[in-house]
Protein backbone atom coordinates (compact mmCIF):
# COMPACT_ATOMS: atom_id res chain seq x y z
CA UNK A 1 81.65 -23.83 39.63
CA UNK A 2 80.22 -23.44 36.17
CA UNK A 3 78.18 -26.23 34.60
CA UNK A 4 76.93 -27.14 31.15
CA UNK A 5 73.45 -28.28 32.14
CA UNK A 6 72.33 -30.29 29.12
CA UNK A 7 75.34 -32.62 29.25
CA UNK A 8 75.88 -32.51 33.05
CA UNK A 9 79.47 -31.33 32.73
CA UNK A 10 81.59 -29.04 34.88
CA UNK A 11 82.80 -26.28 32.55
CA UNK A 12 84.98 -24.42 35.04
CA UNK A 13 85.96 -24.55 38.69
CA UNK A 14 87.88 -22.16 40.90
CA UNK A 15 88.85 -22.99 44.46
CA UNK A 16 88.93 -19.97 46.76
CA UNK A 17 89.37 -19.36 50.48
CA UNK A 18 86.25 -20.11 52.52
CA UNK A 19 86.01 -16.47 53.61
CA UNK A 20 85.56 -15.23 50.01
CA UNK A 21 82.22 -13.75 49.03
CA UNK A 22 80.62 -15.59 46.10
CA UNK A 23 80.64 -12.40 44.00
CA UNK A 24 84.39 -11.97 44.54
CA UNK A 25 86.06 -12.11 41.09
CA UNK A 26 82.75 -13.14 39.50
CA UNK A 27 83.48 -11.20 36.30
CA UNK A 28 86.92 -12.79 35.96
CA UNK A 29 85.36 -16.21 36.55
CA UNK A 30 82.73 -15.52 33.87
CA UNK A 31 85.40 -14.40 31.39
CA UNK A 32 87.51 -17.47 32.15
CA UNK A 33 84.50 -19.78 31.82
CA UNK A 34 83.45 -18.30 28.48
CA UNK A 35 87.04 -18.57 27.24
CA UNK A 36 87.14 -22.26 28.24
CA UNK A 37 83.92 -22.82 26.30
CA UNK A 38 85.81 -21.67 23.21
CA UNK A 39 83.17 -19.38 21.75
CA UNK A 40 80.19 -21.66 22.37
CA UNK A 41 76.92 -19.75 22.71
CA UNK A 42 75.55 -19.56 26.26
CA UNK A 43 71.76 -19.61 26.05
CA UNK A 44 71.05 -19.00 29.73
CA UNK A 45 73.23 -18.20 32.70
CA UNK A 46 71.80 -19.27 36.05
CA UNK A 47 73.34 -18.12 39.32
CA UNK A 48 72.57 -17.88 43.01
CA UNK A 49 72.03 -14.71 45.02
CA UNK A 50 75.76 -14.24 45.58
CA UNK A 51 76.01 -13.12 41.97
CA UNK A 52 73.35 -10.42 42.29
CA UNK A 53 76.07 -7.77 42.46
CA UNK A 54 75.10 -4.79 40.27
CA UNK A 55 78.46 -4.73 38.44
CA UNK A 56 78.05 -8.41 37.50
CA UNK A 57 74.45 -7.91 36.35
CA UNK A 58 75.37 -4.79 34.37
CA UNK A 59 78.11 -6.79 32.64
CA UNK A 60 75.63 -9.53 31.71
CA UNK A 61 73.29 -6.88 30.29
CA UNK A 62 76.13 -5.37 28.24
CA UNK A 63 76.90 -8.83 26.84
CA UNK A 64 73.18 -9.28 26.06
CA UNK A 65 73.23 -12.57 27.97
CA UNK A 66 69.99 -14.12 29.18
CA UNK A 67 70.20 -14.89 32.87
CA UNK A 68 68.27 -15.98 35.95
CA UNK A 69 69.53 -15.01 39.39
CA UNK A 70 67.97 -16.52 42.50
CA UNK A 71 67.44 -13.86 45.17
CA UNK A 72 66.72 -14.02 48.86
CA UNK A 73 63.06 -13.14 49.30
CA UNK A 74 63.59 -10.31 51.78
CA UNK A 75 60.84 -7.93 52.85
CA UNK A 76 61.70 -5.07 50.42
CA UNK A 77 61.72 -7.54 47.51
CA UNK A 78 58.41 -9.03 48.67
CA UNK A 79 56.85 -5.54 48.73
CA UNK A 80 58.22 -4.76 45.26
CA UNK A 81 56.76 -8.00 43.89
CA UNK A 82 53.35 -7.37 45.43
CA UNK A 83 53.24 -3.84 43.99
CA UNK A 84 54.10 -4.97 40.43
CA UNK A 85 51.40 -5.24 37.78
CA UNK A 86 51.46 -7.10 34.50
CA UNK A 87 52.02 -10.63 35.79
CA UNK A 88 51.35 -13.35 33.21
CA UNK A 89 50.47 -16.97 33.85
CA UNK A 90 52.86 -19.58 32.52
CA UNK A 91 50.88 -22.50 33.99
CA UNK A 92 48.57 -23.19 36.92
CA UNK A 93 50.25 -21.65 39.96
CA UNK A 94 53.21 -20.25 37.98
CA UNK A 95 53.14 -16.54 37.21
CA UNK A 96 56.00 -14.42 35.88
CA UNK A 97 56.95 -10.76 35.90
CA UNK A 98 60.05 -8.86 34.90
CA UNK A 99 61.05 -5.66 36.68
CA UNK A 100 64.06 -3.74 37.96
CA UNK A 101 64.81 -4.00 41.64
């Protein structure tokens, strides 16, 4: 499903077999969703960890799209986060960092 957050609207929906991985046809779904939005500017794409496929992320980078992808906090990712420097505080208890993983 693709949503338009500020107006609480479903922008696109594909039904797939239950045994499909969430990244399956993700690029085609993105293309179809953007086509249905008829050239509207997407300010931020948010997705769950199923869309953390490198081909999908590379495509978003090529499109210069801003995105947030939720990831499972596995042990290698935890170690990478702990080792990073340059965190900046957004608010009390909220710190941000950007890095390649």
